[in-house]
PDB file of N, CA and C in Angstrom:
ATOM      1  N   UNK A   1     -71.586 103.596  76.199  1.00  0.00           N
ATOM      2  CA  UNK A   1     -72.536 102.856  76.940  1.00  0.00           C
ATOM      3  C   UNK A   1     -72.491 101.229  76.729  1.00  0.00           C
ATOM      4  N   UNK A   2     -72.531 100.597  77.355  1.00  0.00           N
ATOM      5  CA  UNK A   2     -72.229  98.975  77.158  1.00  0.00           C
ATOM      6  C   UNK A   2     -73.652  98.263  77.116  1.00  0.00           C
ATOM      7  N   UNK A   3     -73.654  97.222  76.226  1.00  0.00           N
ATOM      8  CA  UNK A   3     -74.736  96.558  75.911  1.00  0.00           C
ATOM      9  C   UNK A   3     -74.190  95.152  76.061  1.00  0.00           C
ATOM     10  N   UNK A   4     -75.285  94.266  76.210  1.00  0.00           N
ATOM     11  CA  UNK A   4     -75.127  92.534  76.242  1.00  0.00           C
ATOM     12  C   UNK A   4     -75.393  91.993  74.844  1.00  0.00           C
ATOM     13  N   UNK A   5     -74.306  91.333  74.314  1.00  0.00           N
ATOM     14  CA  UNK A   5     -74.565  90.399  72.931  1.00  0.00           C
ATOM     15  C   UNK A   5     -74.524  89.280  73.531  1.00  0.00           C
ATOM     16  N   UNK A   6     -75.611  88.489  73.098  1.00  0.00           N
ATOM     17  CA  UNK A   6     -75.831  87.150  73.568  1.00  0.00           C
ATOM     18  C   UNK A   6     -75.600  86.184  72.161  1.00  0.00           C
ATOM     19  N   UNK A   7     -74.919  85.296  72.055  1.00  0.00           N
ATOM     20  CA  UNK A   7     -74.413  84.429  71.027  1.00  0.00           C
ATOM     21  C   UNK A   7     -75.003  82.969  71.111  1.00  0.00           C
ATOM     22  N   UNK A   8     -75.901  82.564  70.179  1.00  0.00           N
ATOM     23  CA  UNK A   8     -76.411  81.215  70.162  1.00  0.00           C
ATOM     24  C   UNK A   8     -75.674  80.640  69.049  1.00  0.00           C
ATOM     25  N   UNK A   9     -75.719  79.277  69.266  1.00  0.00           N
ATOM     26  CA  UNK A   9     -76.088  78.429  70.426  1.00  0.00           C
ATOM     27  C   UNK A   9     -75.369  78.449  71.500  1.00  0.00           C
ATOM     28  N   UNK A  10     -75.919  78.129  72.646  1.00  0.00           N
ATOM     29  CA  UNK A  10     -75.199  78.267  73.983  1.00  0.00           C
ATOM     30  C   UNK A  10     -75.514  79.415  74.754  1.00  0.00           C
ATOM     31  N   UNK A  11     -76.361  80.271  74.232  1.00  0.00           N
ATOM     32  CA  UNK A  11     -76.473  81.573  75.051  1.00  0.00           C
ATOM     33  C   UNK A  11     -75.155  82.323  75.825  1.00  0.00           C
ATOM     34  N   UNK A  12     -74.241  82.173  75.200  1.00  0.00           N
ATOM     35  CA  UNK A  12     -72.905  82.854  75.636  1.00  0.00           C
ATOM     36  C   UNK A  12     -73.069  84.445  75.697  1.00  0.00           C
ATOM     37  N   UNK A  13     -72.841  85.008  76.605  1.00  0.00           N
ATOM     38  CA  UNK A  13     -72.942  86.706  76.696  1.00  0.00           C
ATOM     39  C   UNK A  13     -71.808  87.172  77.031  1.00  0.00           C
ATOM     40  N   UNK A  14     -71.706  88.577  76.479  1.00  0.00           N
ATOM     41  CA  UNK A  14     -70.431  89.423  76.423  1.00  0.00           C
ATOM     42  C   UNK A  14     -70.929  90.817  76.646  1.00  0.00           C
ATOM     43  N   UNK A  15     -70.533  91.559  77.445  1.00  0.00           N
ATOM     44  CA  UNK A  15     -70.570  93.009  77.523  1.00  0.00           C
ATOM     45  C   UNK A  15     -69.808  93.727  76.538  1.00  0.00           C
ATOM     46  N   UNK A  16     -70.210  94.502  75.704  1.00  0.00           N
ATOM     47  CA  UNK A  16     -69.498  95.470  74.852  1.00  0.00           C
ATOM     48  C   UNK A  16     -69.872  96.782  74.702  1.00  0.00           C
ATOM     49  N   UNK A  17     -68.796  97.673  74.255  1.00  0.00           N
ATOM     50  CA  UNK A  17     -69.177  99.182  74.196  1.00  0.00           C
ATOM     51  C   UNK A  17     -69.617  99.459  72.933  1.00  0.00           C
ATOM     52  N   UNK A  18     -70.019 100.635  72.810  1.00  0.00           N
ATOM     53  CA  UNK A  18     -70.715 101.182  71.263  1.00  0.00           C
ATOM     54  C   UNK A  18     -69.394 101.196  70.556  1.00  0.00           C
ATOM     55  N   UNK A  19     -69.549 100.777  69.214  1.00  0.00           N
ATOM     56  CA  UNK A  19     -68.404 101.109  68.211  1.00  0.00           C
ATOM     57  C   UNK A  19     -67.773  99.792  68.128  1.00  0.00           C
ATOM     58  N   UNK A  20     -68.024  98.731  68.856  1.00  0.00           N
ATOM     59  CA  UNK A  20     -67.442  97.282  68.586  1.00  0.00           C
ATOM     60  C   UNK A  20     -68.033  96.832  67.593  1.00  0.00           C
ATOM     61  N   UNK A  21     -67.345  95.908  66.742  1.00  0.00           N
ATOM     62  CA  UNK A  21     -68.151  95.273  65.689  1.00  0.00           C
ATOM     63  C   UNK A  21     -68.725  94.075  66.301  1.00  0.00           C
ATOM     64  N   UNK A  22     -69.608  93.572  65.506  1.00  0.00           N
ATOM     65  CA  UNK A  22     -70.646  92.218  66.046  1.00  0.00           C
ATOM     66  C   UNK A  22     -69.456  91.114  66.072  1.00  0.00           C
ATOM     67  N   UNK A  23     -68.336  91.057  65.095  1.00  0.00           N
ATOM     68  CA  UNK A  23     -67.544  89.917  64.905  1.00  0.00           C
ATOM     69  C   UNK A  23     -66.583  90.033  66.165  1.00  0.00           C
ATOM     70  N   UNK A  24     -66.191  91.170  66.617  1.00  0.00           N
ATOM     71  CA  UNK A  24     -65.383  91.220  67.704  1.00  0.00           C
ATOM     72  C   UNK A  24     -66.329  90.741  69.027  1.00  0.00           C
ATOM     73  N   UNK A  25     -67.515  91.148  69.144  1.00  0.00           N
ATOM     74  CA  UNK A  25     -68.339  90.899  70.197  1.00  0.00           C
ATOM     75  C   UNK A  25     -68.324  89.221  70.149  1.00  0.00           C
ATOM     76  N   UNK A  26     -68.784  88.666  69.072  1.00  0.00           N
ATOM     77  CA  UNK A  26     -68.828  87.165  68.936  1.00  0.00           C
ATOM     78  C   UNK A  26     -67.655  86.529  69.320  1.00  0.00           C
ATOM     79  N   UNK A  27     -66.322  87.064  68.756  1.00  0.00           N
ATOM     80  CA  UNK A  27     -65.164  86.422  69.344  1.00  0.00           C
ATOM     81  C   UNK A  27     -64.798  86.595  70.822  1.00  0.00           C
ATOM     82  N   UNK A  28     -65.428  87.511  71.329  1.00  0.00           N
ATOM     83  CA  UNK A  28     -64.985  87.798  72.854  1.00  0.00           C
ATOM     84  C   UNK A  28     -65.917  86.663  73.452  1.00  0.00           C
ATOM     85  N   UNK A  29     -67.129  86.540  73.291  1.00  0.00           N
ATOM     86  CA  UNK A  29     -67.988  85.695  73.732  1.00  0.00           C
ATOM     87  C   UNK A  29     -67.592  84.068  73.568  1.00  0.00           C
ATOM     88  N   UNK A  30     -67.223  83.901  72.380  1.00  0.00           N
ATOM     89  CA  UNK A  30     -66.786  82.578  71.996  1.00  0.00           C
ATOM     90  C   UNK A  30     -65.341  82.596  71.329  1.00  0.00           C
ATOM     91  N   UNK A  31     -64.211  82.634  72.071  1.00  0.00           N
ATOM     92  CA  UNK A  31     -63.015  82.573  71.637  1.00  0.00           C
ATOM     93  C   UNK A  31     -62.922  81.232  70.663  1.00  0.00           C
ATOM     94  N   UNK A  32     -62.395  81.619  69.491  1.00  0.00           N
ATOM     95  CA  UNK A  32     -62.272  80.684  68.412  1.00  0.00           C
ATOM     96  C   UNK A  32     -63.379  80.444  67.505  1.00  0.00           C
ATOM     97  N   UNK A  33     -64.552  81.061  67.802  1.00  0.00           N
ATOM     98  CA  UNK A  33     -65.659  81.211  66.759  1.00  0.00           C
ATOM     99  C   UNK A  33     -65.123  82.109  65.630  1.00  0.00           C
ATOM    100  N   UNK A  34     -65.617  81.942  64.520  1.00  0.00           N
ATOM    101  CA  UNK A  34     -65.571  82.662  63.418  1.00  0.00           C
ATOM    102  C   UNK A  34     -64.054  82.934  63.101  1.00  0.00           C
ATOM    103  N   UNK A  35     -63.295  81.820  63.081  1.00  0.00           N
ATOM    104  CA  UNK A  35     -61.614  82.289  63.152  1.00  0.00           C
ATOM    105  C   UNK A  35     -61.379  83.051  61.979  1.00  0.00           C
ATOM    106  N   UNK A  36     -62.127  83.188  60.765  1.00  0.00           N
ATOM    107  CA  UNK A  36     -61.469  83.956  59.628  1.00  0.00           C
ATOM    108  C   UNK A  36     -63.031  84.531  59.302  1.00  0.00           C
ATOM    109  N   UNK A  37     -62.670  85.796  58.569  1.00  0.00           N
ATOM    110  CA  UNK A  37     -63.524  86.538  57.987  1.00  0.00           C
ATOM    111  C   UNK A  37     -63.139  86.985  56.716  1.00  0.00           C
ATOM    112  N   UNK A  38     -63.563  86.759  55.474  1.00  0.00           N
ATOM    113  CA  UNK A  38     -63.399  87.261  54.257  1.00  0.00           C
ATOM    114  C   UNK A  38     -64.459  87.859  53.516  1.00  0.00           C
ATOM    115  N   UNK A  39     -65.278  88.450  54.183  1.00  0.00           N
ATOM    116  CA  UNK A  39     -66.653  89.071  53.647  1.00  0.00           C
ATOM    117  C   UNK A  39     -66.205  90.145  52.551  1.00  0.00           C
ATOM    118  N   UNK A  40     -65.084  90.995  52.981  1.00  0.00           N
ATOM    119  CA  UNK A  40     -64.681  92.046  52.075  1.00  0.00           C
ATOM    120  C   UNK A  40     -64.255  91.381  50.694  1.00  0.00           C
ATOM    121  N   UNK A  41     -64.036  90.054  50.584  1.00  0.00           N
ATOM    122  CA  UNK A  41     -63.628  89.701  49.325  1.00  0.00           C
ATOM    123  C   UNK A  41     -64.771  88.600  48.915  1.00  0.00           C
ATOM    124  N   UNK A  42     -65.935  89.039  49.342  1.00  0.00           N
ATOM    125  CA  UNK A  42     -67.021  88.247  48.971  1.00  0.00           C
ATOM    126  C   UNK A  42     -67.367  86.882  49.790  1.00  0.00           C
ATOM    127  N   UNK A  43     -66.802  86.577  50.627  1.00  0.00           N
ATOM    128  CA  UNK A  43     -66.847  85.382  51.431  1.00  0.00           C
ATOM    129  C   UNK A  43     -68.218  85.695  52.418  1.00  0.00           C
ATOM    130  N   UNK A  44     -68.459  84.590  53.033  1.00  0.00           N
ATOM    131  CA  UNK A  44     -69.785  84.535  53.864  1.00  0.00           C
ATOM    132  C   UNK A  44     -69.411  83.852  55.333  1.00  0.00           C
ATOM    133  N   UNK A  45     -68.214  84.031  55.663  1.00  0.00           N
ATOM    134  CA  UNK A  45     -67.627  83.384  57.015  1.00  0.00           C
ATOM    135  C   UNK A  45     -68.471  83.853  58.362  1.00  0.00           C
ATOM    136  N   UNK A  46     -68.791  85.001  58.133  1.00  0.00           N
ATOM    137  CA  UNK A  46     -69.424  85.596  59.346  1.00  0.00           C
ATOM    138  C   UNK A  46     -70.901  85.843  59.216  1.00  0.00           C
ATOM    139  N   UNK A  47     -71.551  85.135  58.445  1.00  0.00           N
ATOM    140  CA  UNK A  47     -72.947  85.363  58.119  1.00  0.00           C
ATOM    141  C   UNK A  47     -73.742  84.898  59.601  1.00  0.00           C
ATOM    142  N   UNK A  48     -74.509  85.623  60.098  1.00  0.00           N
ATOM    143  CA  UNK A  48     -75.302  85.474  61.401  1.00  0.00           C
ATOM    144  C   UNK A  48     -76.617  85.879  61.248  1.00  0.00           C
ATOM    145  N   UNK A  49     -77.628  85.288  61.874  1.00  0.00           N
ATOM    146  CA  UNK A  49     -78.995  85.795  62.165  1.00  0.00           C
ATOM    147  C   UNK A  49     -78.976  86.606  63.211  1.00  0.00           C
ATOM    148  N   UNK A  50     -79.648  87.865  63.270  1.00  0.00           N
ATOM    149  CA  UNK A  50     -79.721  88.727  64.461  1.00  0.00           C
ATOM    150  C   UNK A  50     -81.158  88.307  65.069  1.00  0.00           C
ATOM    151  N   UNK A  51     -81.298  87.675  66.150  1.00  0.00           N
ATOM    152  CA  UNK A  51     -82.672  87.247  66.487  1.00  0.00           C
ATOM    153  C   UNK A  51     -83.390  88.422  67.168  1.00  0.00           C
ATOM    154  N   UNK A  52     -82.537  89.324  67.938  1.00  0.00           N
ATOM    155  CA  UNK A  52     -83.016  90.330  68.966  1.00  0.00           C
ATOM    156  C   UNK A  52     -82.147  91.514  68.764  1.00  0.00           C
ATOM    157  N   UNK A  53     -82.522  92.773  68.828  1.00  0.00           N
ATOM    158  CA  UNK A  53     -81.728  93.974  68.979  1.00  0.00           C
ATOM    159  C   UNK A  53     -81.422  94.527  67.834  1.00  0.00           C
ATOM    160  N   UNK A  54     -82.066  94.389  66.459  1.00  0.00           N
ATOM    161  CA  UNK A  54     -81.780  94.572  65.352  1.00  0.00           C
ATOM    162  C   UNK A  54     -81.376  96.415  65.255  1.00  0.00           C
ATOM    163  N   UNK A  55     -82.497  97.084  65.986  1.00  0.00           N
ATOM    164  CA  UNK A  55     -82.159  98.372  66.044  1.00  0.00           C
ATOM    165  C   UNK A  55     -80.890  98.837  66.824  1.00  0.00           C
ATOM    166  N   UNK A  56     -80.356  97.842  67.511  1.00  0.00           N
ATOM    167  CA  UNK A  56     -79.150  98.332  68.119  1.00  0.00           C
ATOM    168  C   UNK A  56     -77.879  98.071  67.479  1.00  0.00           C
ATOM    169  N   UNK A  57     -77.920  97.888  66.315  1.00  0.00           N
ATOM    170  CA  UNK A  57     -76.865  97.574  65.353  1.00  0.00           C
ATOM    171  C   UNK A  57     -76.762  98.699  63.961  1.00  0.00           C
ATOM    172  N   UNK A  58     -75.837  98.938  63.475  1.00  0.00           N
ATOM    173  CA  UNK A  58     -75.646  99.846  62.447  1.00  0.00           C
ATOM    174  C   UNK A  58     -76.452  99.208  61.210  1.00  0.00           C
ATOM    175  N   UNK A  59     -76.899 100.339  60.465  1.00  0.00           N
ATOM    176  CA  UNK A  59     -77.621  99.835  59.263  1.00  0.00           C
ATOM    177  C   UNK A  59     -76.825  99.103  58.217  1.00  0.00           C
ATOM    178  N   UNK A  60     -77.430  98.320  57.476  1.00  0.00           N
ATOM    179  CA  UNK A  60     -76.777  97.511  56.612  1.00  0.00           C
ATOM    180  C   UNK A  60     -76.151  98.508  55.132  1.00  0.00           C
ATOM    181  N   UNK A  61     -74.995  98.295  54.855  1.00  0.00           N
ATOM    182  CA  UNK A  61     -74.240  99.058  53.927  1.00  0.00           C
ATOM    183  C   UNK A  61     -74.553  98.506  52.472  1.00  0.00           C
ATOM    184  N   UNK A  62     -74.425  99.120  51.540  1.00  0.00           N
ATOM    185  CA  UNK A  62     -74.681  98.706  50.233  1.00  0.00           C
ATOM    186  C   UNK A  62     -73.648  97.553  49.796  1.00  0.00           C
ATOM    187  N   UNK A  63     -72.440  97.688  50.386  1.00  0.00           N
ATOM    188  CA  UNK A  63     -71.337  96.489  50.426  1.00  0.00           C
ATOM    189  C   UNK A  63     -71.895  95.221  50.893  1.00  0.00           C
ATOM    190  N   UNK A  64     -72.364  95.502  51.906  1.00  0.00           N
ATOM    191  CA  UNK A  64     -72.847  94.250  52.901  1.00  0.00           C
ATOM    192  C   UNK A  64     -74.037  93.630  52.137  1.00  0.00           C
ATOM    193  N   UNK A  65     -74.980  94.588  51.617  1.00  0.00           N
ATOM    194  CA  UNK A  65     -76.438  93.975  50.997  1.00  0.00           C
ATOM    195  C   UNK A  65     -75.776  93.146  49.742  1.00  0.00           C
ATOM    196  N   UNK A  66     -74.790  93.490  48.920  1.00  0.00           N
ATOM    197  CA  UNK A  66     -74.311  93.102  47.891  1.00  0.00           C
ATOM    198  C   UNK A  66     -73.471  91.766  47.922  1.00  0.00           C
ATOM    199  N   UNK A  67     -72.936  91.559  48.995  1.00  0.00           N
ATOM    200  CA  UNK A  67     -72.498  90.223  49.545  1.00  0.00           C
ATOM    201  C   UNK A  67     -73.800  89.273  49.940  1.00  0.00           C
ATOM    202  N   UNK A  68     -74.492  89.810  50.892  1.00  0.00           N
ATOM    203  CA  UNK A  68     -75.672  89.122  51.263  1.00  0.00           C
ATOM    204  C   UNK A  68     -76.441  88.637  50.037  1.00  0.00           C
ATOM    205  N   UNK A  69     -76.528  89.289  49.060  1.00  0.00           N
ATOM    206  CA  UNK A  69     -77.291  88.828  47.613  1.00  0.00           C
ATOM    207  C   UNK A  69     -76.722  87.515  47.163  1.00  0.00           C
ATOM    208  N   UNK A  70     -75.584  87.284  47.415  1.00  0.00           N
ATOM    209  CA  UNK A  70     -74.649  86.045  46.705  1.00  0.00           C
ATOM    210  C   UNK A  70     -74.703  84.823  47.632  1.00  0.00           C
ATOM    211  N   UNK A  71     -75.196  85.026  48.927  1.00  0.00           N
ATOM    212  CA  UNK A  71     -75.298  83.905  49.769  1.00  0.00           C
ATOM    213  C   UNK A  71     -76.805  82.880  49.873  1.00  0.00           C
ATOM    214  N   UNK A  72     -76.481  81.677  49.747  1.00  0.00           N
ATOM    215  CA  UNK A  72     -77.727  81.079  49.778  1.00  0.00           C
ATOM    216  C   UNK A  72     -78.100  80.920  51.361  1.00  0.00           C
ATOM    217  N   UNK A  73     -79.553  80.938  51.583  1.00  0.00           N
ATOM    218  CA  UNK A  73     -80.098  81.111  52.827  1.00  0.00           C
ATOM    219  C   UNK A  73     -80.177  82.164  53.628  1.00  0.00           C
ATOM    220  N   UNK A  74     -79.949  83.319  52.863  1.00  0.00           N
ATOM    221  CA  UNK A  74     -80.204  84.702  53.478  1.00  0.00           C
ATOM    222  C   UNK A  74     -81.452  85.047  53.853  1.00  0.00           C
ATOM    223  N   UNK A  75     -81.876  85.707  55.063  1.00  0.00           N
ATOM    224  CA  UNK A  75     -83.130  85.938  55.358  1.00  0.00           C
ATOM    225  C   UNK A  75     -83.082  87.412  55.830  1.00  0.00           C
ATOM    226  N   UNK A  76     -84.224  87.893  56.364  1.00  0.00           N
ATOM    227  CA  UNK A  76     -84.540  89.264  56.871  1.00  0.00           C
ATOM    228  C   UNK A  76     -83.804  89.465  58.103  1.00  0.00           C
ATOM    229  N   UNK A  77     -83.153  88.329  58.762  1.00  0.00           N
ATOM    230  CA  UNK A  77     -82.477  88.595  59.940  1.00  0.00           C
ATOM    231  C   UNK A  77     -80.770  88.456  59.774  1.00  0.00           C
ATOM    232  N   UNK A  78     -80.573  88.234  58.397  1.00  0.00           N
ATOM    233  CA  UNK A  78     -79.208  87.973  58.276  1.00  0.00           C
ATOM    234  C   UNK A  78     -78.378  89.276  58.113  1.00  0.00           C
ATOM    235  N   UNK A  79     -77.078  89.176  58.587  1.00  0.00           N
ATOM    236  CA  UNK A  79     -76.069  90.305  58.561  1.00  0.00           C
ATOM    237  C   UNK A  79     -74.883  89.577  58.561  1.00  0.00           C
ATOM    238  N   UNK A  80     -73.792  90.263  58.279  1.00  0.00           N
ATOM    239  CA  UNK A  80     -72.494  89.925  58.189  1.00  0.00           C
ATOM    240  C   UNK A  80     -71.815  90.636  59.250  1.00  0.00           C
ATOM    241  N   UNK A  81     -71.461  89.612  60.332  1.00  0.00           N
ATOM    242  CA  UNK A  81     -70.737  90.473  61.569  1.00  0.00           C
ATOM    243  C   UNK A  81     -69.456  91.310  61.459  1.00  0.00           C
ATOM    244  N   UNK A  82     -68.834  91.318  60.280  1.00  0.00           N
ATOM    245  CA  UNK A  82     -67.649  92.122  60.261  1.00  0.00           C
ATOM    246  C   UNK A  82     -68.080  93.444  59.643  1.00  0.00           C
ATOM    247  N   UNK A  83     -69.272  93.711  59.175  1.00  0.00           N
ATOM    248  CA  UNK A  83     -69.776  94.960  58.830  1.00  0.00           C
ATOM    249  C   UNK A  83     -70.721  95.583  59.790  1.00  0.00           C
ATOM    250  N   UNK A  84     -70.968  95.004  60.833  1.00  0.00           N
ATOM    251  CA  UNK A  84     -72.068  95.521  61.499  1.00  0.00           C
ATOM    252  C   UNK A  84     -71.358  96.110  62.954  1.00  0.00           C
ATOM    253  N   UNK A  85     -71.763  97.217  63.406  1.00  0.00           N
ATOM    254  CA  UNK A  85     -71.161  97.873  64.625  1.00  0.00           C
ATOM    255  C   UNK A  85     -72.424  97.950  65.580  1.00  0.00           C
ATOM    256  N   UNK A  86     -72.037  97.526  66.722  1.00  0.00           N
ATOM    257  CA  UNK A  86     -72.834  97.770  67.907  1.00  0.00           C
ATOM    258  C   UNK A  86     -73.147  99.021  68.313  1.00  0.00           C
ATOM    259  N   UNK A  87     -74.453  99.621  68.475  1.00  0.00           N
ATOM    260  CA  UNK A  87     -74.541 101.043  68.427  1.00  0.00           C
ATOM    261  C   UNK A  87     -74.729 101.405  70.000  1.00  0.00           C
ATOM    262  N   UNK A  88     -74.896 100.319  71.022  1.00  0.00           N
ATOM    263  CA  UNK A  88     -74.880 100.707  72.307  1.00  0.00           C
ATOM    264  C   UNK A  88     -76.167 101.290  72.700  1.00  0.00           C
ATOM    265  N   UNK A  89     -77.234 100.851  72.140  1.00  0.00           N
ATOM    266  CA  UNK A  89     -78.723 101.544  72.485  1.00  0.00           C
ATOM    267  C   UNK A  89     -79.538 100.275  73.053  1.00  0.00           C
ATOM    268  N   UNK A  90     -79.309  98.983  72.600  1.00  0.00           N
ATOM    269  CA  UNK A  90     -80.194  97.879  73.046  1.00  0.00           C
ATOM    270  C   UNK A  90     -79.266  96.687  72.958  1.00  0.00           C
ATOM    271  N   UNK A  91     -79.617  95.702  73.946  1.00  0.00           N
ATOM    272  CA  UNK A  91     -79.075  94.514  73.818  1.00  0.00           C
ATOM    273  C   UNK A  91     -79.213  93.761  72.441  1.00  0.00           C
ATOM    274  N   UNK A  92     -78.394  92.723  72.219  1.00  0.00           N
ATOM    275  CA  UNK A  92     -78.478  92.196  71.065  1.00  0.00           C
ATOM    276  C   UNK A  92     -78.369  90.561  71.125  1.00  0.00           C
ATOM    277  N   UNK A  93     -78.940  89.630  70.265  1.00  0.00           N
ATOM    278  CA  UNK A  93     -78.912  88.268  70.386  1.00  0.00           C
ATOM    279  C   UNK A  93     -78.770  87.776  68.800  1.00  0.00           C
ATOM    280  N   UNK A  94     -77.635  87.206  68.540  1.00  0.00           N
ATOM    281  CA  UNK A  94     -77.239  86.610  67.405  1.00  0.00           C
ATOM    282  C   UNK A  94     -77.150  85.135  67.479  1.00  0.00           C
ATOM    283  N   UNK A  95     -77.590  84.346  66.367  1.00  0.00           N
ATOM    284  CA  UNK A  95     -77.415  83.135  66.018  1.00  0.00           C
ATOM    285  C   UNK A  95     -76.345  82.698  65.182  1.00  0.00           C
ATOM    286  N   UNK A  96     -75.409  81.894  65.438  1.00  0.00           N
ATOM    287  CA  UNK A  96     -74.297  81.541  64.427  1.00  0.00           C
ATOM    288  C   UNK A  96     -74.914  80.467  63.535  1.00  0.00           C
ATOM    289  N   UNK A  97     -74.181  80.544  62.273  1.00  0.00           N
ATOM    290  CA  UNK A  97     -74.717  79.496  61.384  1.00  0.00           C
ATOM    291  C   UNK A  97     -73.836  78.935  60.569  1.00  0.00           C
ATOM    292  N   UNK A  98     -74.115  77.857  59.867  1.00  0.00           N
ATOM    293  CA  UNK A  98     -73.458  76.975  59.099  1.00  0.00           C
ATOM    294  C   UNK A  98     -72.311  76.009  59.933  1.00  0.00           C
ATOM    295  N   UNK A  99     -71.173  76.063  59.670  1.00  0.00           N
ATOM    296  CA  UNK A  99     -70.152  75.285  60.397  1.00  0.00           C
ATOM    297  C   UNK A  99     -70.201  75.556  61.910  1.00  0.00           C
ATOM    298  N   UNK A 100     -70.519  76.912  62.300  1.00  0.00           N
ATOM    299  CA  UNK A 100     -70.360  77.266  63.489  1.00  0.00           C
ATOM    300  C   UNK A 100     -71.391  77.018  64.521  1.00  0.00           C
ATOM    301  N   UNK A 101     -72.563  76.645  63.844  1.00  0.00           N
ATOM    302  CA  UNK A 101     -73.806  76.203  64.864  1.00  0.00           C
ATOM    303  C   UNK A 101     -73.560  75.016  65.819  1.00  0.00           C
ATOM    304  N   UNK A 102     -72.437  74.333  65.462  1.00  0.00           N
ATOM    305  CA  UNK A 102     -72.326  73.207  66.554  1.00  0.00           C
ATOM    306  C   UNK A 102     -71.369  73.789  67.672  1.00  0.00           C
ATOM    307  N   UNK A 103     -70.933  74.918  67.712  1.00  0.00           N
ATOM    308  CA  UNK A 103     -70.044  75.433  68.752  1.00  0.00           C
ATOM    309  C   UNK A 103     -70.855  75.193  70.297  1.00  0.00           C
TER     310      UNK A 103
END
């Protein structure tokens, strides 16, 4: 099943299938966005806020939580896009943070 992922700012949308990572969806909607992702090594390059559709995404893993705990500015909507899988159950809206907020 496909769902719509909306990336803010700019309200860019892309249709994606179940199983796609949120990072892949963001890159499809905004080519050149989030050019690197080093979250597996403790980086926060793909830190995003999920504004809508949280239940349409995979649950937060222990590893993702451990990385999020090290990032300044994390909130209840924070996720690392490379760890998140789209479940295909509802549309999702995410907000890019930091240096990517100007895209």
